[in-house]
Amino acid sequence: MNQCLISPQAIKDLDSISEYFLTTNIETGEKIFQEFTKKCKNLLQFPKMGRSYEHIRKGMRGIPLNSYIIFYQIVDDNIEILRIVNGRQDLESLFT
């Protein structure tokens, strides 16, 4: 895989996560962003490591990030990060 591309919606998700941890726990927020970077690098090496969420969206996979899920898809030789959302949300409603 060549690149880990982040969709506009995923950027908004990251902004929201960042804002939340700026007011609650900066250290935890920093750890989450470091882990996010590490997971993106791992996805480039092992693109199919995530669980399939094909039942929600064709070709979509997800990997855990603390209480969040990084949703992604493989596009050509790239990984596209679609969303980063709390795993307790109604996941199906996010992609309809």
PDB file of N, CA and C in Angstrom:
ATOM      1  N   MET A   1       0.841  -1.179   0.000  1.00  0.00           N
ATOM      2  CA  MET A   1       0.000   0.000   0.000  1.00  0.00           C
ATOM      3  C   MET A   1       0.886   1.242   0.000  1.00  0.00           C
ATOM      4  N   ASN A   2       0.383   2.289  -0.652  1.00  0.00           N
ATOM      5  CA  ASN A   2       1.160   3.517  -0.791  1.00  0.00           C
ATOM      6  C   ASN A   2       0.892   4.555   0.289  1.00  0.00           C
ATOM      7  N   GLN A   3      -0.384   4.944   0.431  1.00  0.00           N
ATOM      8  CA  GLN A   3      -0.722   6.059   1.319  1.00  0.00           C
ATOM      9  C   GLN A   3      -1.944   5.740   2.167  1.00  0.00           C
ATOM     10  N   CYS A   4      -2.025   6.446   3.267  1.00  0.00           N
ATOM     11  CA  CYS A   4      -3.213   6.413   4.107  1.00  0.00           C
ATOM     12  C   CYS A   4      -3.901   7.768   3.914  1.00  0.00           C
ATOM     13  N   LEU A   5      -4.989   7.767   3.172  1.00  0.00           N
ATOM     14  CA  LEU A   5      -5.725   8.992   2.870  1.00  0.00           C
ATOM     15  C   LEU A   5      -6.841   9.169   3.896  1.00  0.00           C
ATOM     16  N   ILE A   6      -7.064  10.392   4.321  1.00  0.00           N
ATOM     17  CA  ILE A   6      -8.088  10.656   5.337  1.00  0.00           C
ATOM     18  C   ILE A   6      -9.199  11.485   4.703  1.00  0.00           C
ATOM     19  N   SER A   7     -10.412  10.954   4.724  1.00  0.00           N
ATOM     20  CA  SER A   7     -11.560  11.632   4.114  1.00  0.00           C
ATOM     21  C   SER A   7     -11.905  12.906   4.889  1.00  0.00           C
ATOM     22  N   PRO A   8     -12.614  13.836   4.239  1.00  0.00           N
ATOM     23  CA  PRO A   8     -13.044  15.052   4.946  1.00  0.00           C
ATOM     24  C   PRO A   8     -13.866  14.749   6.205  1.00  0.00           C
ATOM     25  N   GLN A   9     -14.726  13.736   6.142  1.00  0.00           N
ATOM     26  CA  GLN A   9     -15.534  13.391   7.322  1.00  0.00           C
ATOM     27  C   GLN A   9     -14.656  12.844   8.439  1.00  0.00           C
ATOM     28  N   ALA A  10     -13.651  12.052   8.086  1.00  0.00           N
ATOM     29  CA  ALA A  10     -12.733  11.529   9.104  1.00  0.00           C
ATOM     30  C   ALA A  10     -11.933  12.659   9.746  1.00  0.00           C
ATOM     31  N   ILE A  11     -11.588  13.677   8.966  1.00  0.00           N
ATOM     32  CA  ILE A  11     -10.898  14.847   9.525  1.00  0.00           C
ATOM     33  C   ILE A  11     -11.799  15.544  10.541  1.00  0.00           C
ATOM     34  N   LYS A  12     -13.089  15.666  10.220  1.00  0.00           N
ATOM     35  CA  LYS A  12     -14.039  16.255  11.170  1.00  0.00           C
ATOM     36  C   LYS A  12     -14.121  15.411  12.443  1.00  0.00           C
ATOM     37  N   ASP A  13     -14.125  14.086  12.263  1.00  0.00           N
ATOM     38  CA  ASP A  13     -14.156  13.195  13.426  1.00  0.00           C
ATOM     39  C   ASP A  13     -12.927  13.415  14.305  1.00  0.00           C
ATOM     40  N   LEU A  14     -11.760  13.505  13.681  1.00  0.00           N
ATOM     41  CA  LEU A  14     -10.521  13.732  14.435  1.00  0.00           C
ATOM     42  C   LEU A  14     -10.543  15.077  15.152  1.00  0.00           C
ATOM     43  N   ASP A  15     -11.098  16.091  14.486  1.00  0.00           N
ATOM     44  CA  ASP A  15     -11.226  17.409  15.127  1.00  0.00           C
ATOM     45  C   ASP A  15     -12.109  17.327  16.372  1.00  0.00           C
ATOM     46  N   SER A  16     -13.224  16.608  16.264  1.00  0.00           N
ATOM     47  CA  SER A  16     -14.141  16.460  17.407  1.00  0.00           C
ATOM     48  C   SER A  16     -13.474  15.712  18.558  1.00  0.00           C
ATOM     49  N   ILE A  17     -12.750  14.658  18.224  1.00  0.00           N
ATOM     50  CA  ILE A  17     -12.042  13.891  19.250  1.00  0.00           C
ATOM     51  C   ILE A  17     -11.003  14.780  19.925  1.00  0.00           C
ATOM     52  N   SER A  18     -10.295  15.544  19.128  1.00  0.00           N
ATOM     53  CA  SER A  18      -9.270  16.454  19.650  1.00  0.00           C
ATOM     54  C   SER A  18      -9.876  17.486  20.596  1.00  0.00           C
ATOM     55  N   GLU A  19     -10.978  18.101  20.186  1.00  0.00           N
ATOM     56  CA  GLU A  19     -11.648  19.104  21.025  1.00  0.00           C
ATOM     57  C   GLU A  19     -12.099  18.496  22.351  1.00  0.00           C
ATOM     58  N   TYR A  20     -12.630  17.285  22.295  1.00  0.00           N
ATOM     59  CA  TYR A  20     -13.093  16.622  23.510  1.00  0.00           C
ATOM     60  C   TYR A  20     -11.933  16.420  24.489  1.00  0.00           C
ATOM     61  N   PHE A  21     -10.827  15.882  24.000  1.00  0.00           N
ATOM     62  CA  PHE A  21      -9.714  15.584  24.898  1.00  0.00           C
ATOM     63  C   PHE A  21      -8.945  16.826  25.327  1.00  0.00           C
ATOM     64  N   LEU A  22      -9.049  17.916  24.585  1.00  0.00           N
ATOM     65  CA  LEU A  22      -8.433  19.167  25.032  1.00  0.00           C
ATOM     66  C   LEU A  22      -9.076  19.663  26.323  1.00  0.00           C
ATOM     67  N   THR A  23     -10.363  19.366  26.483  1.00  0.00           N
ATOM     68  CA  THR A  23     -11.076  19.826  27.676  1.00  0.00           C
ATOM     69  C   THR A  23     -11.135  18.780  28.787  1.00  0.00           C
ATOM     70  N   THR A  24     -10.828  17.525  28.470  1.00  0.00           N
ATOM     71  CA  THR A  24     -10.961  16.479  29.487  1.00  0.00           C
ATOM     72  C   THR A  24      -9.631  15.880  29.926  1.00  0.00           C
ATOM     73  N   ASN A  25      -8.811  15.467  28.963  1.00  0.00           N
ATOM     74  CA  ASN A  25      -7.562  14.791  29.323  1.00  0.00           C
ATOM     75  C   ASN A  25      -6.595  14.849  28.146  1.00  0.00           C
ATOM     76  N   ILE A  26      -5.729  15.831  28.157  1.00  0.00           N
ATOM     77  CA  ILE A  26      -4.808  16.045  27.035  1.00  0.00           C
ATOM     78  C   ILE A  26      -3.888  14.841  26.829  1.00  0.00           C
ATOM     79  N   GLU A  27      -3.399  14.250  27.903  1.00  0.00           N
ATOM     80  CA  GLU A  27      -2.485  13.104  27.777  1.00  0.00           C
ATOM     81  C   GLU A  27      -3.147  11.941  27.051  1.00  0.00           C
ATOM     82  N   THR A  28      -4.380  11.633  27.414  1.00  0.00           N
ATOM     83  CA  THR A  28      -5.103  10.553  26.743  1.00  0.00           C
ATOM     84  C   THR A  28      -5.309  10.896  25.276  1.00  0.00           C
ATOM     85  N   GLY A  29      -5.657  12.139  24.992  1.00  0.00           N
ATOM     86  CA  GLY A  29      -5.828  12.573  23.609  1.00  0.00           C
ATOM     87  C   GLY A  29      -4.560  12.399  22.797  1.00  0.00           C
ATOM     88  N   GLU A  30      -3.428  12.765  23.379  1.00  0.00           N
ATOM     89  CA  GLU A  30      -2.149  12.597  22.678  1.00  0.00           C
ATOM     90  C   GLU A  30      -1.866  11.126  22.399  1.00  0.00           C
ATOM     91  N   LYS A  31      -2.165  10.264  23.369  1.00  0.00           N
ATOM     92  CA  LYS A  31      -1.949   8.826  23.184  1.00  0.00           C
ATOM     93  C   LYS A  31      -2.832   8.280  22.068  1.00  0.00           C
ATOM     94  N   ILE A  32      -4.076   8.749  22.013  1.00  0.00           N
ATOM     95  CA  ILE A  32      -4.988   8.286  20.968  1.00  0.00           C
ATOM     96  C   ILE A  32      -4.465   8.696  19.592  1.00  0.00           C
ATOM     97  N   PHE A  33      -3.980   9.918  19.459  1.00  0.00           N
ATOM     98  CA  PHE A  33      -3.474  10.364  18.162  1.00  0.00           C
ATOM     99  C   PHE A  33      -2.184   9.646  17.778  1.00  0.00           C
ATOM    100  N   GLN A  34      -1.346   9.327  18.754  1.00  0.00           N
ATOM    101  CA  GLN A  34      -0.149   8.533  18.465  1.00  0.00           C
ATOM    102  C   GLN A  34      -0.540   7.130  18.009  1.00  0.00           C
ATOM    103  N   GLU A  35      -1.523   6.556  18.683  1.00  0.00           N
ATOM    104  CA  GLU A  35      -2.002   5.223  18.319  1.00  0.00           C
ATOM    105  C   GLU A  35      -2.665   5.245  16.939  1.00  0.00           C
ATOM    106  N   PHE A  36      -3.398   6.314  16.629  1.00  0.00           N
ATOM    107  CA  PHE A  36      -4.017   6.455  15.307  1.00  0.00           C
ATOM    108  C   PHE A  36      -2.941   6.422  14.223  1.00  0.00           C
ATOM    109  N   THR A  37      -1.874   7.168  14.417  1.00  0.00           N
ATOM    110  CA  THR A  37      -0.774   7.202  13.448  1.00  0.00           C
ATOM    111  C   THR A  37      -0.157   5.815  13.286  1.00  0.00           C
ATOM    112  N   LYS A  38       0.037   5.123  14.397  1.00  0.00           N
ATOM    113  CA  LYS A  38       0.611   3.777  14.359  1.00  0.00           C
ATOM    114  C   LYS A  38      -0.313   2.813  13.605  1.00  0.00           C
ATOM    115  N   LYS A  39      -1.607   2.933  13.858  1.00  0.00           N
ATOM    116  CA  LYS A  39      -2.562   2.034  13.189  1.00  0.00           C
ATOM    117  C   LYS A  39      -2.598   2.290  11.686  1.00  0.00           C
ATOM    118  N   CYS A  40      -2.507   3.556  11.281  1.00  0.00           N
ATOM    119  CA  CYS A  40      -2.467   3.866   9.845  1.00  0.00           C
ATOM    120  C   CYS A  40      -1.247   3.226   9.193  1.00  0.00           C
ATOM    121  N   LYS A  41      -0.108   3.295   9.854  1.00  0.00           N
ATOM    122  CA  LYS A  41       1.110   2.667   9.322  1.00  0.00           C
ATOM    123  C   LYS A  41       0.944   1.154   9.231  1.00  0.00           C
ATOM    124  N   ASN A  42       0.327   0.551  10.244  1.00  0.00           N
ATOM    125  CA  ASN A  42       0.080  -0.893  10.214  1.00  0.00           C
ATOM    126  C   ASN A  42      -0.853  -1.279   9.075  1.00  0.00           C
ATOM    127  N   LEU A  43      -1.867  -0.448   8.835  1.00  0.00           N
ATOM    128  CA  LEU A  43      -2.801  -0.738   7.743  1.00  0.00           C
ATOM    129  C   LEU A  43      -2.109  -0.737   6.388  1.00  0.00           C
ATOM    130  N   LEU A  44      -1.113   0.115   6.220  1.00  0.00           N
ATOM    131  CA  LEU A  44      -0.381   0.138   4.954  1.00  0.00           C
ATOM    132  C   LEU A  44       0.357  -1.177   4.725  1.00  0.00           C
ATOM    133  N   GLN A  45       0.799  -1.816   5.787  1.00  0.00           N
ATOM    134  CA  GLN A  45       1.492  -3.102   5.670  1.00  0.00           C
ATOM    135  C   GLN A  45       0.520  -4.280   5.627  1.00  0.00           C
ATOM    136  N   PHE A  46      -0.578  -4.163   6.378  1.00  0.00           N
ATOM    137  CA  PHE A  46      -1.548  -5.258   6.492  1.00  0.00           C
ATOM    138  C   PHE A  46      -2.956  -4.712   6.259  1.00  0.00           C
ATOM    139  N   PRO A  47      -3.300  -4.395   5.021  1.00  0.00           N
ATOM    140  CA  PRO A  47      -4.560  -3.702   4.744  1.00  0.00           C
ATOM    141  C   PRO A  47      -5.827  -4.476   5.110  1.00  0.00           C
ATOM    142  N   LYS A  48      -5.743  -5.782   5.191  1.00  0.00           N
ATOM    143  CA  LYS A  48      -6.950  -6.560   5.500  1.00  0.00           C
ATOM    144  C   LYS A  48      -6.998  -6.992   6.960  1.00  0.00           C
ATOM    145  N   MET A  49      -6.199  -6.331   7.811  1.00  0.00           N
ATOM    146  CA  MET A  49      -6.163  -6.726   9.217  1.00  0.00           C
ATOM    147  C   MET A  49      -7.447  -6.374   9.961  1.00  0.00           C
ATOM    148  N   GLY A  50      -8.194  -5.415   9.475  1.00  0.00           N
ATOM    149  CA  GLY A  50      -9.412  -4.992  10.149  1.00  0.00           C
ATOM    150  C   GLY A  50     -10.578  -5.928   9.907  1.00  0.00           C
ATOM    151  N   ARG A  51     -11.527  -5.857  10.812  1.00  0.00           N
ATOM    152  CA  ARG A  51     -12.762  -6.636  10.707  1.00  0.00           C
ATOM    153  C   ARG A  51     -13.595  -6.109   9.540  1.00  0.00           C
ATOM    154  N   SER A  52     -14.280  -7.000   8.861  1.00  0.00           N
ATOM    155  CA  SER A  52     -15.156  -6.595   7.763  1.00  0.00           C
ATOM    156  C   SER A  52     -16.453  -5.992   8.303  1.00  0.00           C
ATOM    157  N   TYR A  53     -16.837  -4.869   7.723  1.00  0.00           N
ATOM    158  CA  TYR A  53     -18.133  -4.242   7.998  1.00  0.00           C
ATOM    159  C   TYR A  53     -18.925  -4.169   6.695  1.00  0.00           C
ATOM    160  N   GLU A  54     -18.757  -5.203   5.900  1.00  0.00           N
ATOM    161  CA  GLU A  54     -19.407  -5.314   4.595  1.00  0.00           C
ATOM    162  C   GLU A  54     -20.927  -5.177   4.713  1.00  0.00           C
ATOM    163  N   HIS A  55     -21.501  -5.604   5.834  1.00  0.00           N
ATOM    164  CA  HIS A  55     -22.955  -5.535   6.024  1.00  0.00           C
ATOM    165  C   HIS A  55     -23.448  -4.091   6.160  1.00  0.00           C
ATOM    166  N   ILE A  56     -22.530  -3.169   6.462  1.00  0.00           N
ATOM    167  CA  ILE A  56     -22.902  -1.758   6.579  1.00  0.00           C
ATOM    168  C   ILE A  56     -22.583  -1.004   5.294  1.00  0.00           C
ATOM    169  N   ARG A  57     -21.404  -1.273   4.741  1.00  0.00           N
ATOM    170  CA  ARG A  57     -20.975  -0.598   3.505  1.00  0.00           C
ATOM    171  C   ARG A  57     -20.015  -1.515   2.759  1.00  0.00           C
ATOM    172  N   LYS A  58     -20.248  -1.652   1.471  1.00  0.00           N
ATOM    173  CA  LYS A  58     -19.430  -2.540   0.644  1.00  0.00           C
ATOM    174  C   LYS A  58     -17.951  -2.169   0.740  1.00  0.00           C
ATOM    175  N   GLY A  59     -17.126  -3.165   1.041  1.00  0.00           N
ATOM    176  CA  GLY A  59     -15.685  -2.982   1.080  1.00  0.00           C
ATOM    177  C   GLY A  59     -15.140  -2.325   2.342  1.00  0.00           C
ATOM    178  N   MET A  60     -16.015  -2.013   3.285  1.00  0.00           N
ATOM    179  CA  MET A  60     -15.562  -1.296   4.482  1.00  0.00           C
ATOM    180  C   MET A  60     -15.034  -2.266   5.542  1.00  0.00           C
ATOM    181  N   ARG A  61     -13.957  -1.833   6.189  1.00  0.00           N
ATOM    182  CA  ARG A  61     -13.346  -2.584   7.276  1.00  0.00           C
ATOM    183  C   ARG A  61     -13.152  -1.642   8.454  1.00  0.00           C
ATOM    184  N   GLY A  62     -12.876  -2.199   9.624  1.00  0.00           N
ATOM    185  CA  GLY A  62     -12.664  -1.359  10.797  1.00  0.00           C
ATOM    186  C   GLY A  62     -11.683  -1.973  11.771  1.00  0.00           C
ATOM    187  N   ILE A  63     -10.936  -1.095  12.444  1.00  0.00           N
ATOM    188  CA  ILE A  63     -10.019  -1.534  13.496  1.00  0.00           C
ATOM    189  C   ILE A  63     -10.270  -0.686  14.740  1.00  0.00           C
ATOM    190  N   PRO A  64     -10.118  -1.289  15.916  1.00  0.00           N
ATOM    191  CA  PRO A  64     -10.368  -0.538  17.151  1.00  0.00           C
ATOM    192  C   PRO A  64      -9.257   0.457  17.464  1.00  0.00           C
ATOM    193  N   LEU A  65      -9.667   1.552  18.070  1.00  0.00           N
ATOM    194  CA  LEU A  65      -8.751   2.582  18.568  1.00  0.00           C
ATOM    195  C   LEU A  65      -9.334   3.058  19.893  1.00  0.00           C
ATOM    196  N   ASN A  66      -8.885   2.436  20.992  1.00  0.00           N
ATOM    197  CA  ASN A  66      -9.477   2.687  22.308  1.00  0.00           C
ATOM    198  C   ASN A  66     -10.980   2.437  22.218  1.00  0.00           C
ATOM    199  N   SER A  67     -11.824   3.397  22.544  1.00  0.00           N
ATOM    200  CA  SER A  67     -13.275   3.181  22.468  1.00  0.00           C
ATOM    201  C   SER A  67     -13.831   3.575  21.101  1.00  0.00           C
ATOM    202  N   TYR A  68     -12.962   3.887  20.168  1.00  0.00           N
ATOM    203  CA  TYR A  68     -13.354   4.296  18.817  1.00  0.00           C
ATOM    204  C   TYR A  68     -13.113   3.161  17.826  1.00  0.00           C
ATOM    205  N   ILE A  69     -13.675   3.331  16.637  1.00  0.00           N
ATOM    206  CA  ILE A  69     -13.407   2.419  15.527  1.00  0.00           C
ATOM    207  C   ILE A  69     -12.946   3.265  14.349  1.00  0.00           C
ATOM    208  N   ILE A  70     -11.832   2.868  13.761  1.00  0.00           N
ATOM    209  CA  ILE A  70     -11.348   3.503  12.533  1.00  0.00           C
ATOM    210  C   ILE A  70     -11.942   2.705  11.379  1.00  0.00           C
ATOM    211  N   PHE A  71     -12.828   3.332  10.625  1.00  0.00           N
ATOM    212  CA  PHE A  71     -13.409   2.685   9.454  1.00  0.00           C
ATOM    213  C   PHE A  71     -12.604   3.085   8.233  1.00  0.00           C
ATOM    214  N   TYR A  72     -12.328   2.104   7.386  1.00  0.00           N
ATOM    215  CA  TYR A  72     -11.510   2.369   6.206  1.00  0.00           C
ATOM    216  C   TYR A  72     -11.915   1.453   5.059  1.00  0.00           C
ATOM    217  N   GLN A  73     -11.409   1.784   3.889  1.00  0.00           N
ATOM    218  CA  GLN A  73     -11.562   0.917   2.731  1.00  0.00           C
ATOM    219  C   GLN A  73     -10.269   0.946   1.929  1.00  0.00           C
ATOM    220  N   ILE A  74     -10.070  -0.106   1.170  1.00  0.00           N
ATOM    221  CA  ILE A  74      -8.905  -0.191   0.301  1.00  0.00           C
ATOM    222  C   ILE A  74      -9.318   0.354  -1.058  1.00  0.00           C
ATOM    223  N   VAL A  75      -8.578   1.362  -1.531  1.00  0.00           N
ATOM    224  CA  VAL A  75      -8.860   1.980  -2.825  1.00  0.00           C
ATOM    225  C   VAL A  75      -7.565   1.954  -3.630  1.00  0.00           C
ATOM    226  N   ASP A  76      -7.557   1.146  -4.687  1.00  0.00           N
ATOM    227  CA  ASP A  76      -6.348   0.944  -5.488  1.00  0.00           C
ATOM    228  C   ASP A  76      -5.218   0.490  -4.559  1.00  0.00           C
ATOM    229  N   ASP A  77      -4.130   1.231  -4.494  1.00  0.00           N
ATOM    230  CA  ASP A  77      -3.015   0.873  -3.610  1.00  0.00           C
ATOM    231  C   ASP A  77      -2.961   1.757  -2.374  1.00  0.00           C
ATOM    232  N   ASN A  78      -4.100   2.289  -1.978  1.00  0.00           N
ATOM    233  CA  ASN A  78      -4.160   3.195  -0.832  1.00  0.00           C
ATOM    234  C   ASN A  78      -5.188   2.713   0.185  1.00  0.00           C
ATOM    235  N   ILE A  79      -5.041   3.210   1.396  1.00  0.00           N
ATOM    236  CA  ILE A  79      -6.042   3.024   2.445  1.00  0.00           C
ATOM    237  C   ILE A  79      -6.758   4.359   2.589  1.00  0.00           C
ATOM    238  N   GLU A  80      -8.085   4.336   2.519  1.00  0.00           N
ATOM    239  CA  GLU A  80      -8.864   5.555   2.746  1.00  0.00           C
ATOM    240  C   GLU A  80      -9.574   5.431   4.089  1.00  0.00           C
ATOM    241  N   ILE A  81      -9.227   6.321   5.016  1.00  0.00           N
ATOM    242  CA  ILE A  81      -9.898   6.362   6.311  1.00  0.00           C
ATOM    243  C   ILE A  81     -11.218   7.093   6.098  1.00  0.00           C
ATOM    244  N   LEU A  82     -12.326   6.409   6.374  1.00  0.00           N
ATOM    245  CA  LEU A  82     -13.654   6.973   6.130  1.00  0.00           C
ATOM    246  C   LEU A  82     -14.189   7.738   7.333  1.00  0.00           C
ATOM    247  N   ARG A  83     -14.098   7.132   8.513  1.00  0.00           N
ATOM    248  CA  ARG A  83     -14.624   7.731   9.749  1.00  0.00           C
ATOM    249  C   ARG A  83     -13.822   7.212  10.931  1.00  0.00           C
ATOM    250  N   ILE A  84     -13.830   7.959  12.017  1.00  0.00           N
ATOM    251  CA  ILE A  84     -13.314   7.514  13.307  1.00  0.00           C
ATOM    252  C   ILE A  84     -14.412   7.843  14.305  1.00  0.00           C
ATOM    253  N   VAL A  85     -15.110   6.820  14.775  1.00  0.00           N
ATOM    254  CA  VAL A  85     -16.295   7.060  15.598  1.00  0.00           C
ATOM    255  C   VAL A  85     -16.268   6.219  16.866  1.00  0.00           C
ATOM    256  N   ASN A  86     -17.023   6.664  17.849  1.00  0.00           N
ATOM    257  CA  ASN A  86     -17.174   5.921  19.084  1.00  0.00           C
ATOM    258  C   ASN A  86     -17.879   4.605  18.773  1.00  0.00           C
ATOM    259  N   GLY A  87     -17.335   3.517  19.268  1.00  0.00           N
ATOM    260  CA  GLY A  87     -17.885   2.198  18.981  1.00  0.00           C
ATOM    261  C   GLY A  87     -19.264   1.960  19.551  1.00  0.00           C
ATOM    262  N   ARG A  88     -19.730   2.844  20.450  1.00  0.00           N
ATOM    263  CA  ARG A  88     -21.060   2.682  21.043  1.00  0.00           C
ATOM    264  C   ARG A  88     -22.153   3.349  20.219  1.00  0.00           C
ATOM    265  N   GLN A  89     -21.772   4.057  19.178  1.00  0.00           N
ATOM    266  CA  GLN A  89     -22.768   4.712  18.328  1.00  0.00           C
ATOM    267  C   GLN A  89     -23.492   3.681  17.473  1.00  0.00           C
ATOM    268  N   ASP A  90     -24.638   4.076  16.944  1.00  0.00           N
ATOM    269  CA  ASP A  90     -25.359   3.240  15.991  1.00  0.00           C
ATOM    270  C   ASP A  90     -24.592   3.318  14.674  1.00  0.00           C
ATOM    271  N   LEU A  91     -23.756   2.336  14.441  1.00  0.00           N
ATOM    272  CA  LEU A  91     -22.831   2.379  13.307  1.00  0.00           C
ATOM    273  C   LEU A  91     -23.544   2.398  11.962  1.00  0.00           C
ATOM    274  N   GLU A  92     -24.615   1.641  11.848  1.00  0.00           N
ATOM    275  CA  GLU A  92     -25.314   1.584  10.564  1.00  0.00           C
ATOM    276  C   GLU A  92     -25.877   2.940  10.169  1.00  0.00           C
ATOM    277  N   SER A  93     -26.354   3.717  11.135  1.00  0.00           N
ATOM    278  CA  SER A  93     -26.943   5.024  10.808  1.00  0.00           C
ATOM    279  C   SER A  93     -25.890   6.021  10.323  1.00  0.00           C
ATOM    280  N   LEU A  94     -24.630   5.800  10.647  1.00  0.00           N
ATOM    281  CA  LEU A  94     -23.567   6.714  10.224  1.00  0.00           C
ATOM    282  C   LEU A  94     -23.265   6.622   8.735  1.00  0.00           C
ATOM    283  N   PHE A  95     -23.628   5.509   8.122  1.00  0.00           N
ATOM    284  CA  PHE A  95     -23.267   5.280   6.726  1.00  0.00           C
ATOM    285  C   PHE A  95     -24.476   5.159   5.808  1.00  0.00           C
ATOM    286  N   THR A  96     -25.627   5.685   6.244  1.00  0.00           N
ATOM    287  CA  THR A  96     -26.815   5.631   5.379  1.00  0.00           C
ATOM    288  C   THR A  96     -27.092   6.981   4.769  1.00  0.00           C
TER     289      THR A  96
END
